[in-house]
Amino acid sequence: MSKPVIAVYPGTFDPITLGHQDLIRRAAGLFDSVIVAVAAAHHKKTMFSLEERLETVREVMQAYPNVQVESFTGLVVDFAVRHGAKAMLRGVRSVTDFDFENQLAGMNRALAPEVDTVFLTPDSRYQHISSTLVREIATLKGEVAQFVVPAVHARLLQKLPTP
């Protein structure tokens, strides 16, 4: 009997976007189990707390029984090894993303050769979406409903100061 193949998809998910959801949904069809690893993000100032991000990702991905959501600190490759993951999932939207992600994959391979990095490109409808841009547009009172599900949009609106 073969061992289930576990993939880890790390990120800050601040907030989770339709692009993230697209990749998670597709990964859930490729792997036996997908762990969405939500970074504590000690090096970044996040709009949402770690607890809020965990809750939001769990809510949005609840329809996928083989998707788990957990937090992590430290090196994501160590998290992947601890959880028996064989793959690290990374989304690549552009050549710029690929250059950075390829370098990261090489470092992770050197640290944990048993974990392979798998690159997925988002559906073309979501290729331009990033959490950073969603936060920035929302902060500047732009409309971001087209980039996130309604539950995430509502949470974004609650975070913003009212005029």
N, C-alpha and C. Protein backbone atom coordinates (compact mmCIF):
# COMPACT_ATOMS: atom_id res chain seq x y z
N MET A 1 0.85 -1.18 0.00
CA MET A 1 0.00 0.00 0.00
C MET A 1 0.89 1.24 0.00
N SER A 2 0.62 2.17 -0.88
CA SER A 2 1.47 3.36 -0.97
C SER A 2 1.04 4.42 0.05
N LYS A 3 2.03 5.20 0.42
CA LYS A 3 1.81 6.29 1.37
C LYS A 3 1.09 7.45 0.69
N PRO A 4 0.19 8.12 1.38
CA PRO A 4 -0.47 9.28 0.77
C PRO A 4 0.56 10.38 0.45
N VAL A 5 0.35 11.04 -0.67
CA VAL A 5 1.25 12.12 -1.06
C VAL A 5 0.69 13.43 -0.54
N ILE A 6 1.49 14.07 0.31
CA ILE A 6 1.10 15.32 0.98
C ILE A 6 1.85 16.48 0.33
N ALA A 7 1.13 17.55 0.04
CA ALA A 7 1.73 18.78 -0.47
C ALA A 7 1.47 19.91 0.53
N VAL A 8 2.43 20.79 0.64
CA VAL A 8 2.30 21.98 1.49
C VAL A 8 2.26 23.20 0.58
N TYR A 9 1.28 24.05 0.81
CA TYR A 9 1.18 25.32 0.06
C TYR A 9 1.33 26.45 1.07
N PRO A 10 2.53 27.03 1.16
CA PRO A 10 2.77 28.08 2.15
C PRO A 10 2.46 29.48 1.63
N GLY A 11 2.16 30.38 2.56
CA GLY A 11 1.95 31.78 2.22
C GLY A 11 1.42 32.53 3.41
N THR A 12 1.30 33.84 3.25
CA THR A 12 0.72 34.63 4.33
C THR A 12 -0.81 34.70 4.18
N PHE A 13 -1.30 34.62 2.95
CA PHE A 13 -2.74 34.64 2.69
C PHE A 13 -3.40 35.83 3.38
N ASP A 14 -2.87 37.01 3.09
CA ASP A 14 -3.28 38.25 3.74
C ASP A 14 -3.86 39.24 2.73
N PRO A 15 -5.03 38.99 2.18
CA PRO A 15 -5.99 37.91 2.41
C PRO A 15 -5.83 36.82 1.35
N ILE A 16 -6.57 35.72 1.54
CA ILE A 16 -6.63 34.68 0.53
C ILE A 16 -7.42 35.24 -0.65
N THR A 17 -6.90 35.04 -1.86
CA THR A 17 -7.52 35.57 -3.07
C THR A 17 -8.09 34.44 -3.92
N LEU A 18 -8.78 34.81 -4.98
CA LEU A 18 -9.29 33.82 -5.92
C LEU A 18 -8.14 33.05 -6.57
N GLY A 19 -7.00 33.69 -6.75
CA GLY A 19 -5.83 33.01 -7.30
C GLY A 19 -5.33 31.93 -6.36
N HIS A 20 -5.22 32.24 -5.06
CA HIS A 20 -4.84 31.22 -4.08
C HIS A 20 -5.82 30.06 -4.12
N GLN A 21 -7.11 30.39 -4.10
CA GLN A 21 -8.14 29.35 -4.08
C GLN A 21 -8.06 28.46 -5.31
N ASP A 22 -7.78 29.04 -6.46
CA ASP A 22 -7.63 28.28 -7.69
C ASP A 22 -6.51 27.25 -7.54
N LEU A 23 -5.38 27.69 -7.02
CA LEU A 23 -4.24 26.77 -6.86
C LEU A 23 -4.53 25.68 -5.84
N ILE A 24 -5.15 26.03 -4.73
CA ILE A 24 -5.47 25.05 -3.69
C ILE A 24 -6.46 24.02 -4.23
N ARG A 25 -7.48 24.49 -4.90
CA ARG A 25 -8.50 23.60 -5.47
C ARG A 25 -7.86 22.60 -6.44
N ARG A 26 -6.98 23.09 -7.30
CA ARG A 26 -6.33 22.22 -8.28
C ARG A 26 -5.35 21.27 -7.60
N ALA A 27 -4.63 21.76 -6.59
CA ALA A 27 -3.71 20.89 -5.85
C ALA A 27 -4.47 19.79 -5.12
N ALA A 28 -5.66 20.11 -4.63
CA ALA A 28 -6.48 19.11 -3.92
C ALA A 28 -6.85 17.96 -4.85
N GLY A 29 -6.88 18.20 -6.14
CA GLY A 29 -7.14 17.14 -7.11
C GLY A 29 -5.89 16.37 -7.51
N LEU A 30 -4.73 16.94 -7.24
CA LEU A 30 -3.46 16.30 -7.63
C LEU A 30 -2.83 15.48 -6.50
N PHE A 31 -3.06 15.91 -5.26
CA PHE A 31 -2.40 15.29 -4.11
C PHE A 31 -3.45 14.67 -3.19
N ASP A 32 -3.01 13.69 -2.42
CA ASP A 32 -3.91 13.06 -1.46
C ASP A 32 -4.33 14.04 -0.37
N SER A 33 -3.40 14.88 0.03
CA SER A 33 -3.65 15.86 1.08
C SER A 33 -2.87 17.13 0.79
N VAL A 34 -3.50 18.27 1.03
CA VAL A 34 -2.85 19.57 0.87
C VAL A 34 -2.93 20.29 2.20
N ILE A 35 -1.78 20.72 2.68
CA ILE A 35 -1.74 21.52 3.91
C ILE A 35 -1.46 22.96 3.50
N VAL A 36 -2.42 23.83 3.72
CA VAL A 36 -2.22 25.26 3.50
C VAL A 36 -1.50 25.76 4.75
N ALA A 37 -0.25 26.14 4.58
CA ALA A 37 0.59 26.56 5.70
C ALA A 37 0.60 28.08 5.77
N VAL A 38 -0.10 28.62 6.74
CA VAL A 38 -0.24 30.07 6.88
C VAL A 38 0.90 30.58 7.75
N ALA A 39 1.73 31.41 7.16
CA ALA A 39 2.91 31.93 7.85
C ALA A 39 2.53 32.95 8.91
N ALA A 40 3.19 32.84 10.05
CA ALA A 40 3.01 33.84 11.10
C ALA A 40 3.45 35.21 10.58
N ALA A 41 4.34 35.21 9.62
CA ALA A 41 4.79 36.43 8.91
C ALA A 41 5.43 37.45 9.84
N HIS A 42 6.36 36.99 10.63
CA HIS A 42 7.06 37.90 11.55
C HIS A 42 7.81 39.00 10.82
N HIS A 43 8.17 38.78 9.56
CA HIS A 43 8.93 39.75 8.79
C HIS A 43 8.04 40.72 7.99
N LYS A 44 6.75 40.50 8.02
CA LYS A 44 5.82 41.34 7.27
C LYS A 44 4.78 41.94 8.20
N LYS A 45 4.33 43.13 7.87
CA LYS A 45 3.20 43.72 8.58
C LYS A 45 1.95 43.27 7.85
N THR A 46 1.13 42.49 8.50
CA THR A 46 -0.07 41.97 7.86
C THR A 46 -1.29 42.79 8.27
N MET A 47 -2.28 42.81 7.41
CA MET A 47 -3.54 43.49 7.71
C MET A 47 -4.35 42.66 8.70
N PHE A 48 -4.34 41.35 8.49
CA PHE A 48 -5.10 40.43 9.32
C PHE A 48 -4.16 39.69 10.27
N SER A 49 -4.64 39.42 11.47
CA SER A 49 -3.85 38.65 12.43
C SER A 49 -3.71 37.21 11.93
N LEU A 50 -2.79 36.48 12.50
CA LEU A 50 -2.62 35.08 12.14
C LEU A 50 -3.93 34.32 12.36
N GLU A 51 -4.58 34.54 13.48
CA GLU A 51 -5.84 33.84 13.77
C GLU A 51 -6.91 34.17 12.73
N GLU A 52 -7.00 35.43 12.32
CA GLU A 52 -7.98 35.82 11.31
C GLU A 52 -7.68 35.17 9.97
N ARG A 53 -6.41 35.10 9.60
CA ARG A 53 -6.04 34.49 8.33
C ARG A 53 -6.33 32.99 8.34
N LEU A 54 -6.02 32.32 9.45
CA LEU A 54 -6.32 30.89 9.57
C LEU A 54 -7.82 30.65 9.45
N GLU A 55 -8.60 31.43 10.16
CA GLU A 55 -10.06 31.30 10.14
C GLU A 55 -10.62 31.53 8.74
N THR A 56 -10.11 32.54 8.07
CA THR A 56 -10.61 32.87 6.72
C THR A 56 -10.28 31.76 5.73
N VAL A 57 -9.04 31.27 5.75
CA VAL A 57 -8.66 30.21 4.81
C VAL A 57 -9.48 28.95 5.10
N ARG A 58 -9.66 28.62 6.35
CA ARG A 58 -10.48 27.44 6.70
C ARG A 58 -11.91 27.60 6.19
N GLU A 59 -12.47 28.77 6.37
CA GLU A 59 -13.84 29.03 5.92
C GLU A 59 -13.96 28.88 4.41
N VAL A 60 -13.03 29.48 3.70
CA VAL A 60 -13.08 29.51 2.25
C VAL A 60 -12.83 28.12 1.64
N MET A 61 -12.01 27.30 2.28
CA MET A 61 -11.63 26.00 1.71
C MET A 61 -12.36 24.83 2.37
N GLN A 62 -13.39 25.10 3.15
CA GLN A 62 -14.05 24.03 3.90
C GLN A 62 -14.68 22.96 3.02
N ALA A 63 -14.98 23.23 1.79
CA ALA A 63 -15.60 22.25 0.90
C ALA A 63 -14.62 21.18 0.42
N TYR A 64 -13.35 21.33 0.75
CA TYR A 64 -12.33 20.39 0.29
C TYR A 64 -11.81 19.59 1.48
N PRO A 65 -12.31 18.35 1.64
CA PRO A 65 -11.96 17.56 2.83
C PRO A 65 -10.49 17.17 2.92
N ASN A 66 -9.78 17.17 1.80
CA ASN A 66 -8.36 16.81 1.86
C ASN A 66 -7.44 18.04 1.99
N VAL A 67 -8.03 19.18 2.32
CA VAL A 67 -7.26 20.41 2.56
C VAL A 67 -7.30 20.73 4.04
N GLN A 68 -6.13 20.83 4.64
CA GLN A 68 -5.99 21.24 6.03
C GLN A 68 -5.36 22.63 6.06
N VAL A 69 -5.59 23.37 7.11
CA VAL A 69 -5.01 24.70 7.26
C VAL A 69 -4.30 24.75 8.61
N GLU A 70 -3.02 25.07 8.58
CA GLU A 70 -2.22 25.15 9.79
C GLU A 70 -1.30 26.35 9.71
N SER A 71 -0.89 26.84 10.87
CA SER A 71 0.07 27.94 10.90
C SER A 71 1.48 27.38 11.05
N PHE A 72 2.45 28.22 10.70
CA PHE A 72 3.84 27.83 10.93
C PHE A 72 4.70 29.07 11.17
N THR A 73 5.80 28.83 11.85
CA THR A 73 6.85 29.82 12.01
C THR A 73 8.15 29.13 11.60
N GLY A 74 9.15 29.90 11.33
CA GLY A 74 10.43 29.30 10.94
C GLY A 74 10.44 28.94 9.47
N LEU A 75 11.30 27.98 9.13
CA LEU A 75 11.46 27.57 7.74
C LEU A 75 10.30 26.68 7.30
N VAL A 76 9.69 27.02 6.19
CA VAL A 76 8.57 26.23 5.69
C VAL A 76 9.03 24.83 5.30
N VAL A 77 10.26 24.69 4.87
CA VAL A 77 10.76 23.37 4.49
C VAL A 77 10.82 22.45 5.72
N ASP A 78 11.13 23.01 6.88
CA ASP A 78 11.11 22.22 8.12
C ASP A 78 9.68 21.80 8.45
N PHE A 79 8.73 22.70 8.26
CA PHE A 79 7.31 22.39 8.46
C PHE A 79 6.90 21.24 7.54
N ALA A 80 7.31 21.32 6.27
CA ALA A 80 6.96 20.28 5.29
C ALA A 80 7.53 18.92 5.71
N VAL A 81 8.77 18.89 6.14
CA VAL A 81 9.39 17.63 6.56
C VAL A 81 8.67 17.07 7.78
N ARG A 82 8.37 17.92 8.77
CA ARG A 82 7.66 17.47 9.98
C ARG A 82 6.31 16.84 9.65
N HIS A 83 5.66 17.33 8.60
CA HIS A 83 4.34 16.83 8.22
C HIS A 83 4.40 15.72 7.16
N GLY A 84 5.60 15.27 6.82
CA GLY A 84 5.75 14.18 5.86
C GLY A 84 5.39 14.56 4.44
N ALA A 85 5.48 15.84 4.11
CA ALA A 85 5.14 16.30 2.76
C ALA A 85 6.21 15.87 1.76
N LYS A 86 5.76 15.52 0.58
CA LYS A 86 6.65 15.19 -0.54
C LYS A 86 6.75 16.34 -1.52
N ALA A 87 5.85 17.30 -1.40
CA ALA A 87 5.83 18.41 -2.35
C ALA A 87 5.55 19.73 -1.66
N MET A 88 6.18 20.75 -2.17
CA MET A 88 5.92 22.13 -1.77
C MET A 88 5.30 22.79 -2.99
N LEU A 89 4.10 23.29 -2.84
CA LEU A 89 3.38 23.92 -3.94
C LEU A 89 3.68 25.41 -3.95
N ARG A 90 4.02 25.93 -5.12
CA ARG A 90 4.25 27.36 -5.27
C ARG A 90 3.52 27.86 -6.50
N GLY A 91 2.86 29.00 -6.36
CA GLY A 91 2.18 29.62 -7.48
C GLY A 91 3.13 30.55 -8.20
N VAL A 92 3.08 30.51 -9.52
CA VAL A 92 3.96 31.35 -10.34
C VAL A 92 3.10 32.11 -11.34
N ARG A 93 3.06 33.44 -11.18
CA ARG A 93 2.23 34.26 -12.07
C ARG A 93 3.02 34.83 -13.24
N SER A 94 4.34 34.97 -13.06
CA SER A 94 5.13 35.66 -14.07
C SER A 94 6.57 35.16 -14.06
N VAL A 95 7.36 35.63 -15.02
CA VAL A 95 8.77 35.29 -15.08
C VAL A 95 9.48 35.80 -13.83
N THR A 96 9.10 36.96 -13.35
CA THR A 96 9.69 37.51 -12.13
C THR A 96 9.43 36.58 -10.95
N ASP A 97 8.19 36.11 -10.82
CA ASP A 97 7.86 35.13 -9.78
C ASP A 97 8.74 33.88 -9.93
N PHE A 98 8.86 33.40 -11.17
CA PHE A 98 9.60 32.16 -11.40
C PHE A 98 11.06 32.31 -10.97
N ASP A 99 11.69 33.43 -11.31
CA ASP A 99 13.10 33.63 -10.93
C ASP A 99 13.28 33.49 -9.42
N PHE A 100 12.42 34.17 -8.66
CA PHE A 100 12.51 34.12 -7.20
C PHE A 100 12.18 32.72 -6.69
N GLU A 101 11.08 32.15 -7.18
CA GLU A 101 10.61 30.84 -6.70
C GLU A 101 11.59 29.73 -7.06
N ASN A 102 12.24 29.82 -8.20
CA ASN A 102 13.22 28.83 -8.60
C ASN A 102 14.43 28.86 -7.67
N GLN A 103 14.88 30.05 -7.29
CA GLN A 103 15.97 30.18 -6.34
C GLN A 103 15.57 29.60 -4.98
N LEU A 104 14.37 29.91 -4.54
CA LEU A 104 13.85 29.39 -3.28
C LEU A 104 13.75 27.86 -3.32
N ALA A 105 13.29 27.32 -4.45
CA ALA A 105 13.18 25.87 -4.60
C ALA A 105 14.55 25.21 -4.49
N GLY A 106 15.56 25.83 -5.07
CA GLY A 106 16.93 25.30 -4.98
C GLY A 106 17.44 25.28 -3.55
N MET A 107 17.17 26.34 -2.81
CA MET A 107 17.58 26.38 -1.40
C MET A 107 16.83 25.33 -0.60
N ASN A 108 15.53 25.21 -0.82
CA ASN A 108 14.75 24.21 -0.10
C ASN A 108 15.23 22.79 -0.43
N ARG A 109 15.58 22.55 -1.69
CA ARG A 109 16.08 21.24 -2.09
C ARG A 109 17.39 20.92 -1.38
N ALA A 110 18.23 21.93 -1.23
CA ALA A 110 19.50 21.72 -0.52
C ALA A 110 19.25 21.40 0.95
N LEU A 111 18.23 22.02 1.54
CA LEU A 111 17.92 21.80 2.96
C LEU A 111 17.15 20.50 3.19
N ALA A 112 16.29 20.13 2.25
CA ALA A 112 15.46 18.93 2.41
C ALA A 112 15.24 18.29 1.03
N PRO A 113 16.19 17.48 0.57
CA PRO A 113 16.10 16.90 -0.78
C PRO A 113 14.87 16.02 -1.00
N GLU A 114 14.25 15.56 0.09
CA GLU A 114 13.08 14.69 -0.03
C GLU A 114 11.79 15.46 -0.36
N VAL A 115 11.84 16.79 -0.35
CA VAL A 115 10.67 17.61 -0.65
C VAL A 115 10.89 18.31 -2.00
N ASP A 116 10.06 17.97 -2.97
CA ASP A 116 10.16 18.59 -4.28
C ASP A 116 9.24 19.79 -4.37
N THR A 117 9.66 20.80 -5.11
CA THR A 117 8.82 21.97 -5.34
C THR A 117 8.04 21.78 -6.64
N VAL A 118 6.75 22.03 -6.58
CA VAL A 118 5.87 21.93 -7.74
C VAL A 118 5.33 23.32 -8.01
N PHE A 119 5.55 23.81 -9.23
CA PHE A 119 5.05 25.12 -9.62
C PHE A 119 3.73 24.96 -10.37
N LEU A 120 2.75 25.76 -9.98
CA LEU A 120 1.48 25.82 -10.70
C LEU A 120 1.24 27.27 -11.11
N THR A 121 0.73 27.45 -12.30
CA THR A 121 0.33 28.79 -12.71
C THR A 121 -1.17 28.92 -12.48
N PRO A 122 -1.60 30.08 -12.03
CA PRO A 122 -3.04 30.26 -11.82
C PRO A 122 -3.78 30.35 -13.15
N ASP A 123 -5.05 30.08 -13.11
CA ASP A 123 -5.91 30.30 -14.26
C ASP A 123 -5.68 31.73 -14.74
N SER A 124 -5.73 31.94 -16.04
CA SER A 124 -5.45 33.27 -16.61
C SER A 124 -6.35 34.37 -16.03
N ARG A 125 -7.54 33.99 -15.55
CA ARG A 125 -8.44 34.98 -14.94
C ARG A 125 -7.87 35.56 -13.65
N TYR A 126 -6.92 34.84 -13.03
CA TYR A 126 -6.41 35.24 -11.72
C TYR A 126 -4.93 35.62 -11.74
N GLN A 127 -4.31 35.58 -12.89
CA GLN A 127 -2.87 35.75 -12.98
C GLN A 127 -2.38 37.11 -12.46
N HIS A 128 -3.17 38.10 -12.53
CA HIS A 128 -2.76 39.45 -12.12
C HIS A 128 -3.03 39.74 -10.64
N ILE A 129 -3.69 38.82 -9.95
CA ILE A 129 -4.12 39.08 -8.57
C ILE A 129 -3.01 38.75 -7.58
N SER A 130 -2.77 39.66 -6.65
CA SER A 130 -1.88 39.39 -5.53
C SER A 130 -2.51 39.98 -4.27
N SER A 131 -2.23 39.35 -3.15
CA SER A 131 -2.76 39.85 -1.88
C SER A 131 -2.31 41.28 -1.63
N THR A 132 -1.05 41.56 -1.96
CA THR A 132 -0.51 42.91 -1.75
C THR A 132 -1.33 43.94 -2.49
N LEU A 133 -1.63 43.67 -3.77
CA LEU A 133 -2.41 44.63 -4.56
C LEU A 133 -3.84 44.73 -4.05
N VAL A 134 -4.42 43.61 -3.64
CA VAL A 134 -5.79 43.63 -3.11
C VAL A 134 -5.84 44.52 -1.86
N ARG A 135 -4.88 44.34 -0.95
CA ARG A 135 -4.84 45.18 0.26
C ARG A 135 -4.66 46.65 -0.08
N GLU A 136 -3.75 46.93 -1.00
CA GLU A 136 -3.46 48.32 -1.36
C GLU A 136 -4.68 48.99 -2.01
N ILE A 137 -5.30 48.30 -2.94
CA ILE A 137 -6.48 48.86 -3.61
C ILE A 137 -7.60 49.08 -2.61
N ALA A 138 -7.83 48.10 -1.74
CA ALA A 138 -8.89 48.22 -0.73
C ALA A 138 -8.61 49.39 0.22
N THR A 139 -7.36 49.54 0.63
CA THR A 139 -6.98 50.64 1.53
C THR A 139 -7.23 52.00 0.89
N LEU A 140 -7.05 52.05 -0.43
CA LEU A 140 -7.26 53.31 -1.16
C LEU A 140 -8.71 53.46 -1.65
N LYS A 141 -9.61 52.63 -1.08
CA LYS A 141 -11.05 52.69 -1.35
C LYS A 141 -11.43 52.22 -2.75
N GLY A 142 -10.57 51.42 -3.37
CA GLY A 142 -10.90 50.83 -4.66
C GLY A 142 -11.74 49.57 -4.46
N GLU A 143 -12.35 49.12 -5.52
CA GLU A 143 -13.23 47.95 -5.46
C GLU A 143 -12.43 46.67 -5.70
N VAL A 144 -12.47 45.76 -4.74
CA VAL A 144 -11.70 44.52 -4.83
C VAL A 144 -12.58 43.26 -4.80
N ALA A 145 -13.88 43.43 -4.86
CA ALA A 145 -14.79 42.28 -4.77
C ALA A 145 -14.53 41.24 -5.86
N GLN A 146 -14.02 41.67 -7.00
CA GLN A 146 -13.78 40.75 -8.10
C GLN A 146 -12.55 39.87 -7.90
N PHE A 147 -11.77 40.13 -6.85
CA PHE A 147 -10.52 39.40 -6.62
C PHE A 147 -10.59 38.41 -5.46
N VAL A 148 -11.67 38.47 -4.68
CA VAL A 148 -11.83 37.63 -3.49
C VAL A 148 -13.28 37.17 -3.38
N VAL A 149 -13.51 36.12 -2.61
CA VAL A 149 -14.89 35.67 -2.40
C VAL A 149 -15.60 36.66 -1.48
N PRO A 150 -16.93 36.67 -1.48
CA PRO A 150 -17.69 37.63 -0.66
C PRO A 150 -17.31 37.64 0.82
N ALA A 151 -17.06 36.49 1.42
CA ALA A 151 -16.70 36.45 2.85
C ALA A 151 -15.39 37.19 3.11
N VAL A 152 -14.44 37.05 2.21
CA VAL A 152 -13.15 37.75 2.35
C VAL A 152 -13.35 39.24 2.11
N HIS A 153 -14.17 39.58 1.14
CA HIS A 153 -14.45 40.99 0.85
C HIS A 153 -15.06 41.67 2.08
N ALA A 154 -16.00 41.00 2.72
CA ALA A 154 -16.63 41.56 3.91
C ALA A 154 -15.59 41.78 5.01
N ARG A 155 -14.70 40.85 5.19
CA ARG A 155 -13.65 41.00 6.21
C ARG A 155 -12.71 42.16 5.88
N LEU A 156 -12.41 42.31 4.60
CA LEU A 156 -11.57 43.44 4.19
C LEU A 156 -12.25 44.76 4.52
N LEU A 157 -13.53 44.87 4.20
CA LEU A 157 -14.27 46.11 4.47
C LEU A 157 -14.32 46.42 5.96
N GLN A 158 -14.42 45.37 6.80
CA GLN A 158 -14.43 45.57 8.25
C GLN A 158 -13.09 46.10 8.76
N LYS A 159 -12.03 45.77 8.09
CA LYS A 159 -10.68 46.19 8.51
C LYS A 159 -10.39 47.65 8.18
N LEU A 160 -11.10 48.17 7.20
CA LEU A 160 -10.80 49.52 6.73
C LEU A 160 -11.54 50.57 7.55
N PRO A 161 -10.88 51.70 7.79
CA PRO A 161 -11.55 52.76 8.54
C PRO A 161 -12.75 53.31 7.75
N THR A 162 -13.82 53.59 8.46
CA THR A 162 -15.00 54.15 7.80
C THR A 162 -14.82 55.67 7.70
N PRO A 163 -15.34 56.25 6.63
CA PRO A 163 -15.15 57.70 6.43
C PRO A 163 -15.92 58.54 7.42
